[in-house]
PDB file of N, CA and C in Angstrom:
ATOM      1  N   UNK A   1      39.605  -0.397  12.790  1.00  0.00           N
ATOM      2  CA  UNK A   1      40.489   0.504  13.920  1.00  0.00           C
ATOM      3  C   UNK A   1      39.916   0.050  15.429  1.00  0.00           C
ATOM      4  N   UNK A   2      40.794   0.099  16.457  1.00  0.00           N
ATOM      5  CA  UNK A   2      40.322  -0.603  17.789  1.00  0.00           C
ATOM      6  C   UNK A   2      40.990   0.658  18.632  1.00  0.00           C
ATOM      7  N   UNK A   3      40.440   0.948  19.872  1.00  0.00           N
ATOM      8  CA  UNK A   3      41.022   2.029  20.765  1.00  0.00           C
ATOM      9  C   UNK A   3      40.324   1.967  22.047  1.00  0.00           C
ATOM     10  N   UNK A   4      41.170   2.017  23.044  1.00  0.00           N
ATOM     11  CA  UNK A   4      40.538   2.147  24.324  1.00  0.00           C
ATOM     12  C   UNK A   4      39.753   3.180  24.660  1.00  0.00           C
ATOM     13  N   UNK A   5      38.721   3.144  25.775  1.00  0.00           N
ATOM     14  CA  UNK A   5      37.547   3.738  25.750  1.00  0.00           C
ATOM     15  C   UNK A   5      38.045   5.048  26.598  1.00  0.00           C
ATOM     16  N   UNK A   6      37.497   6.194  26.204  1.00  0.00           N
ATOM     17  CA  UNK A   6      37.732   7.652  26.876  1.00  0.00           C
ATOM     18  C   UNK A   6      36.882   7.474  28.370  1.00  0.00           C
ATOM     19  N   UNK A   7      37.639   7.754  29.753  1.00  0.00           N
ATOM     20  CA  UNK A   7      36.839   7.331  30.946  1.00  0.00           C
ATOM     21  C   UNK A   7      35.963   8.723  31.343  1.00  0.00           C
ATOM     22  N   UNK A   8      36.030   9.872  30.518  1.00  0.00           N
ATOM     23  CA  UNK A   8      35.327  11.047  31.037  1.00  0.00           C
ATOM     24  C   UNK A   8      33.969  10.633  31.247  1.00  0.00           C
ATOM     25  N   UNK A   9      33.421  11.539  31.892  1.00  0.00           N
ATOM     26  CA  UNK A   9      31.899  11.284  32.467  1.00  0.00           C
ATOM     27  C   UNK A   9      31.015  11.641  31.466  1.00  0.00           C
ATOM     28  N   UNK A  10      31.328  12.706  30.570  1.00  0.00           N
ATOM     29  CA  UNK A  10      30.414  13.449  29.682  1.00  0.00           C
ATOM     30  C   UNK A  10      30.750  13.008  28.307  1.00  0.00           C
ATOM     31  N   UNK A  11      31.594  11.866  28.033  1.00  0.00           N
ATOM     32  CA  UNK A  11      31.965  11.400  26.451  1.00  0.00           C
ATOM     33  C   UNK A  11      30.615  11.186  25.698  1.00  0.00           C
ATOM     34  N   UNK A  12      30.560  11.814  24.631  1.00  0.00           N
ATOM     35  CA  UNK A  12      29.512  11.606  23.682  1.00  0.00           C
ATOM     36  C   UNK A  12      29.918  10.846  22.666  1.00  0.00           C
ATOM     37  N   UNK A  13      31.105  10.657  22.291  1.00  0.00           N
ATOM     38  CA  UNK A  13      31.495   9.572  21.166  1.00  0.00           C
ATOM     39  C   UNK A  13      33.027   9.679  20.779  1.00  0.00           C
ATOM     40  N   UNK A  14      33.081   9.504  19.665  1.00  0.00           N
ATOM     41  CA  UNK A  14      34.482   9.777  18.728  1.00  0.00           C
ATOM     42  C   UNK A  14      34.518   9.998  17.423  1.00  0.00           C
ATOM     43  N   UNK A  15      35.236  10.691  17.188  1.00  0.00           N
ATOM     44  CA  UNK A  15      35.435  10.992  15.492  1.00  0.00           C
ATOM     45  C   UNK A  15      36.463  10.177  15.122  1.00  0.00           C
ATOM     46  N   UNK A  16      36.309   9.469  14.120  1.00  0.00           N
ATOM     47  CA  UNK A  16      37.441   8.701  13.279  1.00  0.00           C
ATOM     48  C   UNK A  16      37.626   9.648  12.139  1.00  0.00           C
ATOM     49  N   UNK A  17      38.950   9.916  12.151  1.00  0.00           N
ATOM     50  CA  UNK A  17      39.207  10.964  11.109  1.00  0.00           C
ATOM     51  C   UNK A  17      40.208  10.263  10.041  1.00  0.00           C
ATOM     52  N   UNK A  18      40.181  10.704   8.738  1.00  0.00           N
ATOM     53  CA  UNK A  18      41.126  10.123   7.850  1.00  0.00           C
ATOM     54  C   UNK A  18      41.305  10.636   6.752  1.00  0.00           C
ATOM     55  N   UNK A  19      42.597  10.673   6.235  1.00  0.00           N
ATOM     56  CA  UNK A  19      42.544  11.312   4.896  1.00  0.00           C
ATOM     57  C   UNK A  19      43.873  10.719   4.026  1.00  0.00           C
ATOM     58  N   UNK A  20      43.934  10.896   2.907  1.00  0.00           N
ATOM     59  CA  UNK A  20      45.077  10.197   2.026  1.00  0.00           C
ATOM     60  C   UNK A  20      46.286  10.909   2.385  1.00  0.00           C
ATOM     61  N   UNK A  21      47.248   9.735   1.998  1.00  0.00           N
ATOM     62  CA  UNK A  21      48.563   9.842   2.450  1.00  0.00           C
ATOM     63  C   UNK A  21      49.210  11.126   1.989  1.00  0.00           C
ATOM     64  N   UNK A  22      48.624  11.668   0.976  1.00  0.00           N
ATOM     65  CA  UNK A  22      49.341  12.835   0.400  1.00  0.00           C
ATOM     66  C   UNK A  22      48.742  14.135   0.649  1.00  0.00           C
ATOM     67  N   UNK A  23      47.799  13.925   1.607  1.00  0.00           N
ATOM     68  CA  UNK A  23      47.151  15.238   1.828  1.00  0.00           C
ATOM     69  C   UNK A  23      47.788  15.731   3.080  1.00  0.00           C
ATOM     70  N   UNK A  24      47.639  17.215   3.367  1.00  0.00           N
ATOM     71  CA  UNK A  24      48.167  17.885   4.848  1.00  0.00           C
ATOM     72  C   UNK A  24      47.238  18.034   5.644  1.00  0.00           C
ATOM     73  N   UNK A  25      46.007  17.751   5.237  1.00  0.00           N
ATOM     74  CA  UNK A  25      44.617  17.903   6.285  1.00  0.00           C
ATOM     75  C   UNK A  25      43.526  16.784   6.308  1.00  0.00           C
ATOM     76  N   UNK A  26      43.181  16.617   7.491  1.00  0.00           N
ATOM     77  CA  UNK A  26      42.267  15.543   7.661  1.00  0.00           C
ATOM     78  C   UNK A  26      40.644  15.866   6.547  1.00  0.00           C
ATOM     79  N   UNK A  27      40.710  15.081   5.934  1.00  0.00           N
ATOM     80  CA  UNK A  27      39.773  15.046   4.746  1.00  0.00           C
ATOM     81  C   UNK A  27      38.238  14.590   5.201  1.00  0.00           C
ATOM     82  N   UNK A  28      37.959  13.453   6.093  1.00  0.00           N
ATOM     83  CA  UNK A  28      36.898  12.724   6.264  1.00  0.00           C
ATOM     84  C   UNK A  28      36.745  12.504   7.768  1.00  0.00           C
ATOM     85  N   UNK A  29      35.437  12.447   8.289  1.00  0.00           N
ATOM     86  CA  UNK A  29      35.440  12.225   9.702  1.00  0.00           C
ATOM     87  C   UNK A  29      34.016  11.279   9.565  1.00  0.00           C
ATOM     88  N   UNK A  30      34.123  10.391  10.580  1.00  0.00           N
ATOM     89  CA  UNK A  30      32.864   9.413  10.766  1.00  0.00           C
ATOM     90  C   UNK A  30      32.911   9.481  12.548  1.00  0.00           C
ATOM     91  N   UNK A  31      31.316   9.589  12.950  1.00  0.00           N
ATOM     92  CA  UNK A  31      31.381   9.615  14.443  1.00  0.00           C
ATOM     93  C   UNK A  31      30.925   8.260  14.695  1.00  0.00           C
ATOM     94  N   UNK A  32      31.265   8.035  16.016  1.00  0.00           N
ATOM     95  CA  UNK A  32      30.901   6.282  16.331  1.00  0.00           C
ATOM     96  C   UNK A  32      30.845   6.720  17.872  1.00  0.00           C
ATOM     97  N   UNK A  33      30.057   5.667  18.773  1.00  0.00           N
ATOM     98  CA  UNK A  33      30.049   5.740  19.893  1.00  0.00           C
ATOM     99  C   UNK A  33      30.784   4.338  20.492  1.00  0.00           C
ATOM    100  N   UNK A  34      31.030   3.765  19.239  1.00  0.00           N
ATOM    101  CA  UNK A  34      31.729   2.426  19.786  1.00  0.00           C
ATOM    102  C   UNK A  34      33.247   2.579  19.989  1.00  0.00           C
ATOM    103  N   UNK A  35      34.286   1.771  20.260  1.00  0.00           N
ATOM    104  CA  UNK A  35      35.409   1.629  20.259  1.00  0.00           C
ATOM    105  C   UNK A  35      36.176   0.940  19.143  1.00  0.00           C
ATOM    106  N   UNK A  36      35.386   0.829  18.382  1.00  0.00           N
ATOM    107  CA  UNK A  36      36.043  -0.316  17.381  1.00  0.00           C
ATOM    108  C   UNK A  36      35.299   0.446  15.719  1.00  0.00           C
ATOM    109  N   UNK A  37      36.056   0.369  14.909  1.00  0.00           N
ATOM    110  CA  UNK A  37      35.375   0.828  13.378  1.00  0.00           C
ATOM    111  C   UNK A  37      35.957  -0.009  12.268  1.00  0.00           C
ATOM    112  N   UNK A  38      35.393  -0.331  11.341  1.00  0.00           N
ATOM    113  CA  UNK A  38      35.962  -1.121  10.208  1.00  0.00           C
ATOM    114  C   UNK A  38      35.651  -0.206   9.017  1.00  0.00           C
ATOM    115  N   UNK A  39      36.429   0.462   8.381  1.00  0.00           N
ATOM    116  CA  UNK A  39      36.277   1.144   7.227  1.00  0.00           C
ATOM    117  C   UNK A  39      36.655   0.534   5.884  1.00  0.00           C
ATOM    118  N   UNK A  40      35.827   0.599   4.597  1.00  0.00           N
ATOM    119  CA  UNK A  40      36.001  -0.050   3.450  1.00  0.00           C
ATOM    120  C   UNK A  40      37.316   0.678   2.741  1.00  0.00           C
ATOM    121  N   UNK A  41      38.575   1.092   3.313  1.00  0.00           N
ATOM    122  CA  UNK A  41      39.621   1.744   2.826  1.00  0.00           C
ATOM    123  C   UNK A  41      40.823   0.960   2.728  1.00  0.00           C
ATOM    124  N   UNK A  42      41.896   1.334   1.860  1.00  0.00           N
ATOM    125  CA  UNK A  42      42.984   0.578   1.955  1.00  0.00           C
ATOM    126  C   UNK A  42      44.245   1.273   2.981  1.00  0.00           C
ATOM    127  N   UNK A  43      44.612   0.855   4.147  1.00  0.00           N
ATOM    128  CA  UNK A  43      45.240   1.205   4.733  1.00  0.00           C
ATOM    129  C   UNK A  43      46.482   1.553   4.398  1.00  0.00           C
ATOM    130  N   UNK A  44      47.169   1.326   3.148  1.00  0.00           N
ATOM    131  CA  UNK A  44      48.230   1.875   2.464  1.00  0.00           C
ATOM    132  C   UNK A  44      48.005   3.086   2.014  1.00  0.00           C
ATOM    133  N   UNK A  45      46.544   3.536   1.485  1.00  0.00           N
ATOM    134  CA  UNK A  45      46.419   4.871   1.058  1.00  0.00           C
ATOM    135  C   UNK A  45      45.877   5.741   1.908  1.00  0.00           C
ATOM    136  N   UNK A  46      45.711   5.413   3.416  1.00  0.00           N
ATOM    137  CA  UNK A  46      45.095   6.657   3.997  1.00  0.00           C
ATOM    138  C   UNK A  46      46.039   6.442   5.589  1.00  0.00           C
ATOM    139  N   UNK A  47      45.920   7.945   5.998  1.00  0.00           N
ATOM    140  CA  UNK A  47      46.246   7.828   7.674  1.00  0.00           C
ATOM    141  C   UNK A  47      44.928   7.961   8.558  1.00  0.00           C
ATOM    142  N   UNK A  48      44.953   7.499   9.329  1.00  0.00           N
ATOM    143  CA  UNK A  48      43.749   7.326  10.522  1.00  0.00           C
ATOM    144  C   UNK A  48      44.070   7.987  11.680  1.00  0.00           C
ATOM    145  N   UNK A  49      43.168   8.715  12.451  1.00  0.00           N
ATOM    146  CA  UNK A  49      43.425   9.245  13.732  1.00  0.00           C
ATOM    147  C   UNK A  49      41.941   9.200  14.619  1.00  0.00           C
ATOM    148  N   UNK A  50      41.854   8.973  15.702  1.00  0.00           N
ATOM    149  CA  UNK A  50      40.711   8.837  16.643  1.00  0.00           C
ATOM    150  C   UNK A  50      40.711  10.260  17.621  1.00  0.00           C
ATOM    151  N   UNK A  51      39.369  10.934  17.627  1.00  0.00           N
ATOM    152  CA  UNK A  51      39.512  12.176  18.280  1.00  0.00           C
ATOM    153  C   UNK A  51      37.951  11.994  19.321  1.00  0.00           C
ATOM    154  N   UNK A  52      38.293  11.956  20.674  1.00  0.00           N
ATOM    155  CA  UNK A  52      36.892  12.282  21.391  1.00  0.00           C
ATOM    156  C   UNK A  52      36.377  13.520  21.547  1.00  0.00           C
ATOM    157  N   UNK A  53      35.042  13.297  21.824  1.00  0.00           N
ATOM    158  CA  UNK A  53      34.092  14.417  21.690  1.00  0.00           C
ATOM    159  C   UNK A  53      33.177  14.272  23.143  1.00  0.00           C
ATOM    160  N   UNK A  54      33.109  15.522  23.565  1.00  0.00           N
ATOM    161  CA  UNK A  54      31.846  15.251  24.815  1.00  0.00           C
ATOM    162  C   UNK A  54      30.673  15.858  24.368  1.00  0.00           C
ATOM    163  N   UNK A  55      29.631  15.991  25.214  1.00  0.00           N
ATOM    164  CA  UNK A  55      28.317  16.217  24.985  1.00  0.00           C
ATOM    165  C   UNK A  55      28.087  17.740  24.636  1.00  0.00           C
ATOM    166  N   UNK A  56      29.144  18.505  25.032  1.00  0.00           N
ATOM    167  CA  UNK A  56      29.201  19.978  24.531  1.00  0.00           C
ATOM    168  C   UNK A  56      30.100  20.353  23.246  1.00  0.00           C
ATOM    169  N   UNK A  57      30.094  19.293  22.723  1.00  0.00           N
ATOM    170  CA  UNK A  57      31.143  19.550  21.395  1.00  0.00           C
ATOM    171  C   UNK A  57      32.582  19.605  21.419  1.00  0.00           C
ATOM    172  N   UNK A  58      32.977  19.683  22.829  1.00  0.00           N
ATOM    173  CA  UNK A  58      34.554  19.818  22.891  1.00  0.00           C
ATOM    174  C   UNK A  58      35.403  18.603  22.194  1.00  0.00           C
ATOM    175  N   UNK A  59      36.335  18.613  21.479  1.00  0.00           N
ATOM    176  CA  UNK A  59      36.995  17.603  21.144  1.00  0.00           C
ATOM    177  C   UNK A  59      38.333  17.822  21.382  1.00  0.00           C
ATOM    178  N   UNK A  60      39.058  16.316  21.726  1.00  0.00           N
ATOM    179  CA  UNK A  60      40.427  16.295  22.154  1.00  0.00           C
ATOM    180  C   UNK A  60      41.293  16.276  20.790  1.00  0.00           C
ATOM    181  N   UNK A  61      42.523  16.290  21.247  1.00  0.00           N
ATOM    182  CA  UNK A  61      43.650  16.260  20.083  1.00  0.00           C
ATOM    183  C   UNK A  61      43.422  14.649  19.382  1.00  0.00           C
ATOM    184  N   UNK A  62      44.029  14.774  18.123  1.00  0.00           N
ATOM    185  CA  UNK A  62      43.706  13.394  17.368  1.00  0.00           C
ATOM    186  C   UNK A  62      44.774  12.808  17.711  1.00  0.00           C
ATOM    187  N   UNK A  63      44.655  11.460  18.246  1.00  0.00           N
ATOM    188  CA  UNK A  63      45.372  10.264  18.384  1.00  0.00           C
ATOM    189  C   UNK A  63      45.693   9.569  17.330  1.00  0.00           C
ATOM    190  N   UNK A  64      46.896   9.359  16.701  1.00  0.00           N
ATOM    191  CA  UNK A  64      47.128   8.639  15.624  1.00  0.00           C
ATOM    192  C   UNK A  64      47.501   6.979  15.992  1.00  0.00           C
ATOM    193  N   UNK A  65      46.613   6.064  15.851  1.00  0.00           N
ATOM    194  CA  UNK A  65      46.857   4.620  16.059  1.00  0.00           C
ATOM    195  C   UNK A  65      48.226   3.940  15.801  1.00  0.00           C
ATOM    196  N   UNK A  66      48.649   2.805  16.551  1.00  0.00           N
ATOM    197  CA  UNK A  66      49.939   2.438  16.073  1.00  0.00           C
ATOM    198  C   UNK A  66      49.369   0.812  15.606  1.00  0.00           C
ATOM    199  N   UNK A  67      49.896   0.423  14.701  1.00  0.00           N
ATOM    200  CA  UNK A  67      49.517  -1.089  14.326  1.00  0.00           C
ATOM    201  C   UNK A  67      49.518  -2.022  15.220  1.00  0.00           C
ATOM    202  N   UNK A  68      48.765  -2.757  15.105  1.00  0.00           N
ATOM    203  CA  UNK A  68      48.596  -4.242  16.042  1.00  0.00           C
ATOM    204  C   UNK A  68      49.655  -5.402  15.224  1.00  0.00           C
ATOM    205  N   UNK A  69      50.369  -5.878  15.734  1.00  0.00           N
ATOM    206  CA  UNK A  69      50.847  -6.959  14.945  1.00  0.00           C
ATOM    207  C   UNK A  69      50.348  -8.468  15.594  1.00  0.00           C
TER     208      UNK A  69
END
């Protein structure tokens, strides 16, 4: 996964959220301060989203990425 950096001055990092395609809820999350992440998962079996988080723990809405071709 790859995304553009959030420009907020108090940015702490990002949560990469993911869930099985059959799930209605985000089941897993991984925190990162980078704007790229490789997960050992099959993209056909999971849905992915990225959520920014500030130093106070406030989170943005989850953005669902579009595939690059």
